[in-house]
Amino acid sequence: MHSLKNSMLLTMLGIILLNTACLAQTNTLSYVIVGGGAAGILDDEKSIIGMVEFQPKLHVGPLGTWVGLQASDQEYYLGGGLLYDWYITEHLFITPSLGVGVYGEHHGINLGSVLEFRSGVECGYDLKEAGRLSVGFWHLSNAGLGDRNPGTEIAALRYAFPLQ
């Protein structure tokens, strides 16, 4: 029963990501983002993570899209979702984001489900053609869909390489 539930959740994730791509239109730069930080920053168990993310030119109205991987030697999260770049000045920005993805752990934090939602905010400085430098804070949670739902928090420093 548990594997059927996980299969259904993964199928729903695929449908959501495909629909996001089908509704999208192109306009702005694409970015490849790399970063590093810590997972479990408010938990007893902490781990150092690396992250790589792609933010394509695909948009759903004013919302941008993202797909990414964050991993440590204990856990990984692979997901995608929507974001909004809100520029406070020509260079300073705040980017809230929401997404859904799959989480796996090996001696990491048991988040109670393979399906996890990611919400967060990133604050940074846009260097224009040279890229973007930012710090971000995200929360992972299964929204009560799993057997347990402890959630966890991630903080990271990131650099976005613009693609022409």
C-alpha atoms as a PDB file:
ATOM      1  CA  MET A   1       0.000   0.000   0.000  1.00  0.00           C
ATOM      2  CA  HIS A   2       2.864   2.354   0.871  1.00  0.00           C
ATOM      3  CA  SER A   3       4.517   1.863  -2.564  1.00  0.00           C
ATOM      4  CA  LEU A   4       1.182   2.500  -4.332  1.00  0.00           C
ATOM      5  CA  LYS A   5       0.795   5.751  -2.377  1.00  0.00           C
ATOM      6  CA  ASN A   6       4.346   6.808  -3.349  1.00  0.00           C
ATOM      7  CA  SER A   7       3.714   5.900  -7.005  1.00  0.00           C
ATOM      8  CA  MET A   8       0.545   7.984  -7.049  1.00  0.00           C
ATOM      9  CA  LEU A   9       2.337  10.944  -5.449  1.00  0.00           C
ATOM     10  CA  LEU A  10       5.212  10.720  -7.960  1.00  0.00           C
ATOM     11  CA  THR A  11       2.710  10.560 -10.837  1.00  0.00           C
ATOM     12  CA  MET A  12       0.979  13.704  -9.507  1.00  0.00           C
ATOM     13  CA  LEU A  13       4.371  15.442  -9.281  1.00  0.00           C
ATOM     14  CA  GLY A  14       5.096  14.560 -12.919  1.00  0.00           C
ATOM     15  CA  ILE A  15       1.722  15.877 -14.078  1.00  0.00           C
ATOM     16  CA  ILE A  16       2.234  19.161 -12.205  1.00  0.00           C
ATOM     17  CA  LEU A  17       5.717  19.669 -13.683  1.00  0.00           C
ATOM     18  CA  LEU A  18       4.539  18.825 -17.222  1.00  0.00           C
ATOM     19  CA  ASN A  19       1.575  21.194 -16.929  1.00  0.00           C
ATOM     20  CA  THR A  20       3.890  23.956 -15.734  1.00  0.00           C
ATOM     21  CA  ALA A  21       6.068  23.500 -18.812  1.00  0.00           C
ATOM     22  CA  CYS A  22       3.059  23.381 -21.182  1.00  0.00           C
ATOM     23  CA  LEU A  23       1.539  26.609 -19.826  1.00  0.00           C
ATOM     24  CA  ALA A  24       4.818  28.472 -19.986  1.00  0.00           C
ATOM     25  CA  GLN A  25       6.076  31.159 -22.310  1.00  0.00           C
ATOM     26  CA  THR A  26       9.584  32.539 -22.736  1.00  0.00           C
ATOM     27  CA  ASN A  27      10.931  36.003 -21.864  1.00  0.00           C
ATOM     28  CA  THR A  28      14.006  36.913 -19.569  1.00  0.00           C
ATOM     29  CA  LEU A  29      17.302  35.180 -18.846  1.00  0.00           C
ATOM     30  CA  SER A  30      17.789  31.591 -17.813  1.00  0.00           C
ATOM     31  CA  TYR A  31      20.077  30.850 -14.862  1.00  0.00           C
ATOM     32  CA  VAL A  32      22.137  27.922 -13.639  1.00  0.00           C
ATOM     33  CA  ILE A  33      22.485  28.301  -9.880  1.00  0.00           C
ATOM     34  CA  VAL A  34      25.026  26.631  -7.608  1.00  0.00           C
ATOM     35  CA  GLY A  35      25.196  26.950  -3.873  1.00  0.00           C
ATOM     36  CA  GLY A  36      26.052  25.481  -0.552  1.00  0.00           C
ATOM     37  CA  GLY A  37      24.672  25.634   2.925  1.00  0.00           C
ATOM     38  CA  ALA A  38      23.149  23.600   5.713  1.00  0.00           C
ATOM     39  CA  ALA A  39      20.051  21.436   6.061  1.00  0.00           C
ATOM     40  CA  GLY A  40      18.316  20.891   9.382  1.00  0.00           C
ATOM     41  CA  ILE A  41      19.415  24.283  10.674  1.00  0.00           C
ATOM     42  CA  LEU A  42      16.698  24.280  13.361  1.00  0.00           C
ATOM     43  CA  ASP A  43      16.996  20.525  14.065  1.00  0.00           C
ATOM     44  CA  ASP A  44      19.321  18.437  16.221  1.00  0.00           C
ATOM     45  CA  GLU A  45      20.692  16.721  13.082  1.00  0.00           C
ATOM     46  CA  LYS A  46      22.403  19.086  10.656  1.00  0.00           C
ATOM     47  CA  SER A  47      24.152  18.389   7.376  1.00  0.00           C
ATOM     48  CA  ILE A  48      26.162  20.343   4.834  1.00  0.00           C
ATOM     49  CA  ILE A  49      24.431  20.450   1.446  1.00  0.00           C
ATOM     50  CA  GLY A  50      25.263  21.374  -2.087  1.00  0.00           C
ATOM     51  CA  MET A  51      22.623  22.571  -4.511  1.00  0.00           C
ATOM     52  CA  VAL A  52      22.248  23.078  -8.222  1.00  0.00           C
ATOM     53  CA  GLU A  53      19.168  24.654  -9.757  1.00  0.00           C
ATOM     54  CA  PHE A  54      18.020  25.637 -13.227  1.00  0.00           C
ATOM     55  CA  GLN A  55      15.671  28.574 -13.713  1.00  0.00           C
ATOM     56  CA  PRO A  56      14.703  28.516 -17.405  1.00  0.00           C
ATOM     57  CA  LYS A  57      13.127  31.278 -19.451  1.00  0.00           C
ATOM     58  CA  LEU A  58       9.793  29.491 -18.935  1.00  0.00           C
ATOM     59  CA  HIS A  59       7.149  31.576 -17.200  1.00  0.00           C
ATOM     60  CA  VAL A  60       3.563  31.045 -16.134  1.00  0.00           C
ATOM     61  CA  GLY A  61       2.256  34.602 -16.344  1.00  0.00           C
ATOM     62  CA  PRO A  62       4.507  36.645 -14.023  1.00  0.00           C
ATOM     63  CA  LEU A  63       5.830  33.523 -12.279  1.00  0.00           C
ATOM     64  CA  GLY A  64       9.169  31.962 -13.138  1.00  0.00           C
ATOM     65  CA  THR A  65       9.911  28.259 -12.902  1.00  0.00           C
ATOM     66  CA  TRP A  66      12.700  26.266 -11.276  1.00  0.00           C
ATOM     67  CA  VAL A  67      13.946  22.707 -11.113  1.00  0.00           C
ATOM     68  CA  GLY A  68      16.734  21.685  -8.777  1.00  0.00           C
ATOM     69  CA  LEU A  69      18.646  19.193  -6.710  1.00  0.00           C
ATOM     70  CA  GLN A  70      20.007  19.658  -3.218  1.00  0.00           C
ATOM     71  CA  ALA A  71      21.980  16.873  -1.619  1.00  0.00           C
ATOM     72  CA  SER A  72      24.274  15.882   1.217  1.00  0.00           C
ATOM     73  CA  ASP A  73      25.871  12.554   2.083  1.00  0.00           C
ATOM     74  CA  GLN A  74      22.696  11.800   4.097  1.00  0.00           C
ATOM     75  CA  GLU A  75      19.774  13.030   1.967  1.00  0.00           C
ATOM     76  CA  TYR A  76      18.602  14.551  -1.309  1.00  0.00           C
ATOM     77  CA  TYR A  77      15.688  16.592  -2.598  1.00  0.00           C
ATOM     78  CA  LEU A  78      14.820  16.810  -6.305  1.00  0.00           C
ATOM     79  CA  GLY A  79      11.977  19.142  -7.182  1.00  0.00           C
ATOM     80  CA  GLY A  80      10.559  21.972  -9.182  1.00  0.00           C
ATOM     81  CA  GLY A  81       8.070  24.758  -8.868  1.00  0.00           C
ATOM     82  CA  LEU A  82       7.261  28.428  -9.236  1.00  0.00           C
ATOM     83  CA  LEU A  83       8.959  31.633  -8.104  1.00  0.00           C
ATOM     84  CA  TYR A  84       8.531  35.389  -8.327  1.00  0.00           C
ATOM     85  CA  ASP A  85      11.433  37.847  -8.636  1.00  0.00           C
ATOM     86  CA  TRP A  86      10.467  41.047  -6.822  1.00  0.00           C
ATOM     87  CA  TYR A  87      12.985  43.822  -7.400  1.00  0.00           C
ATOM     88  CA  ILE A  88      13.199  46.337  -4.563  1.00  0.00           C
ATOM     89  CA  THR A  89      15.770  48.402  -6.496  1.00  0.00           C
ATOM     90  CA  GLU A  90      17.485  47.901  -9.839  1.00  0.00           C
ATOM     91  CA  HIS A  91      19.845  45.387  -8.207  1.00  0.00           C
ATOM     92  CA  LEU A  92      18.281  44.180  -4.910  1.00  0.00           C
ATOM     93  CA  PHE A  93      15.684  41.439  -5.166  1.00  0.00           C
ATOM     94  CA  ILE A  94      13.543  39.131  -3.042  1.00  0.00           C
ATOM     95  CA  THR A  95      12.356  35.850  -4.553  1.00  0.00           C
ATOM     96  CA  PRO A  96       9.676  33.799  -2.791  1.00  0.00           C
ATOM     97  CA  SER A  97       9.230  30.299  -4.209  1.00  0.00           C
ATOM     98  CA  LEU A  98       7.054  27.214  -3.855  1.00  0.00           C
ATOM     99  CA  GLY A  99       7.638  23.732  -5.185  1.00  0.00           C
ATOM    100  CA  VAL A 100       7.112  20.020  -4.856  1.00  0.00           C
ATOM    101  CA  GLY A 101       9.588  17.191  -5.151  1.00  0.00           C
ATOM    102  CA  VAL A 102      10.926  13.858  -4.007  1.00  0.00           C
ATOM    103  CA  TYR A 103      13.020  13.405  -0.882  1.00  0.00           C
ATOM    104  CA  GLY A 104      15.275  10.507  -0.031  1.00  0.00           C
ATOM    105  CA  GLU A 105      17.325   9.939   3.087  1.00  0.00           C
ATOM    106  CA  HIS A 106      20.080   7.598   4.176  1.00  0.00           C
ATOM    107  CA  HIS A 107      20.833   8.346   7.823  1.00  0.00           C
ATOM    108  CA  GLY A 108      19.307  11.806   7.293  1.00  0.00           C
ATOM    109  CA  ILE A 109      16.141  13.328   8.707  1.00  0.00           C
ATOM    110  CA  ASN A 110      13.053  11.129   8.282  1.00  0.00           C
ATOM    111  CA  LEU A 111      10.545  13.629   6.894  1.00  0.00           C
ATOM    112  CA  GLY A 112       7.745  11.035   6.769  1.00  0.00           C
ATOM    113  CA  SER A 113       7.151  10.904   3.013  1.00  0.00           C
ATOM    114  CA  VAL A 114       8.876  10.713  -0.349  1.00  0.00           C
ATOM    115  CA  LEU A 115       6.727  13.650  -1.497  1.00  0.00           C
ATOM    116  CA  GLU A 116       7.853  16.944   0.058  1.00  0.00           C
ATOM    117  CA  PHE A 117       6.869  20.553  -0.557  1.00  0.00           C
ATOM    118  CA  ARG A 118       9.442  23.357  -0.523  1.00  0.00           C
ATOM    119  CA  SER A 119       8.626  26.956   0.350  1.00  0.00           C
ATOM    120  CA  GLY A 120      11.123  29.710   0.898  1.00  0.00           C
ATOM    121  CA  VAL A 121      12.585  33.076   0.166  1.00  0.00           C
ATOM    122  CA  GLU A 122      15.834  34.241  -1.364  1.00  0.00           C
ATOM    123  CA  CYS A 123      17.340  37.728  -1.032  1.00  0.00           C
ATOM    124  CA  GLY A 124      20.134  38.906  -3.249  1.00  0.00           C
ATOM    125  CA  TYR A 125      21.986  41.295  -5.476  1.00  0.00           C
ATOM    126  CA  ASP A 126      21.653  41.192  -9.265  1.00  0.00           C
ATOM    127  CA  LEU A 127      25.002  41.805 -10.948  1.00  0.00           C
ATOM    128  CA  LYS A 128      23.168  41.948 -14.306  1.00  0.00           C
ATOM    129  CA  GLU A 129      25.292  40.248 -17.024  1.00  0.00           C
ATOM    130  CA  ALA A 130      27.669  38.916 -14.339  1.00  0.00           C
ATOM    131  CA  GLY A 131      24.965  36.914 -12.518  1.00  0.00           C
ATOM    132  CA  ARG A 132      23.208  37.044  -9.156  1.00  0.00           C
ATOM    133  CA  LEU A 133      24.462  36.478  -5.609  1.00  0.00           C
ATOM    134  CA  SER A 134      21.919  35.543  -2.939  1.00  0.00           C
ATOM    135  CA  VAL A 135      21.154  33.910   0.385  1.00  0.00           C
ATOM    136  CA  GLY A 136      18.090  31.765   0.806  1.00  0.00           C
ATOM    137  CA  PHE A 137      16.009  30.066   3.465  1.00  0.00           C
ATOM    138  CA  TRP A 138      13.614  27.196   2.656  1.00  0.00           C
ATOM    139  CA  HIS A 139      11.294  24.868   4.553  1.00  0.00           C
ATOM    140  CA  LEU A 140      10.615  21.264   3.473  1.00  0.00           C
ATOM    141  CA  SER A 141       7.405  19.598   4.625  1.00  0.00           C
ATOM    142  CA  ASN A 142       5.042  16.875   3.445  1.00  0.00           C
ATOM    143  CA  ALA A 143       2.067  19.027   4.527  1.00  0.00           C
ATOM    144  CA  GLY A 144       0.703  16.234   6.703  1.00  0.00           C
ATOM    145  CA  LEU A 145       0.481  13.693   3.840  1.00  0.00           C
ATOM    146  CA  GLY A 146       2.994  11.327   5.439  1.00  0.00           C
ATOM    147  CA  ASP A 147       3.045   9.151   8.528  1.00  0.00           C
ATOM    148  CA  ARG A 148       4.897  11.961  10.270  1.00  0.00           C
ATOM    149  CA  ASN A 149       5.698  15.553   9.345  1.00  0.00           C
ATOM    150  CA  PRO A 150       8.654  17.013  11.242  1.00  0.00           C
ATOM    151  CA  GLY A 151       9.721  19.313   8.394  1.00  0.00           C
ATOM    152  CA  THR A 152      13.181  20.799   8.128  1.00  0.00           C
ATOM    153  CA  GLU A 153      14.833  24.083   7.191  1.00  0.00           C
ATOM    154  CA  ILE A 154      17.663  24.850   4.779  1.00  0.00           C
ATOM    155  CA  ALA A 155      19.864  27.936   4.493  1.00  0.00           C
ATOM    156  CA  ALA A 156      22.301  28.499   1.628  1.00  0.00           C
ATOM    157  CA  LEU A 157      24.524  30.976  -0.175  1.00  0.00           C
ATOM    158  CA  ARG A 158      23.978  30.823  -3.956  1.00  0.00           C
ATOM    159  CA  TYR A 159      25.403  32.204  -7.173  1.00  0.00           C
ATOM    160  CA  ALA A 160      23.369  32.317 -10.401  1.00  0.00           C
ATOM    161  CA  PHE A 161      25.191  32.121 -13.737  1.00  0.00           C
ATOM    162  CA  PRO A 162      23.143  33.792 -16.488  1.00  0.00           C
ATOM    163  CA  LEU A 163      22.649  31.954 -19.780  1.00  0.00           C
ATOM    164  CA  GLN A 164      22.210  33.949 -22.968  1.00  0.00           C
END
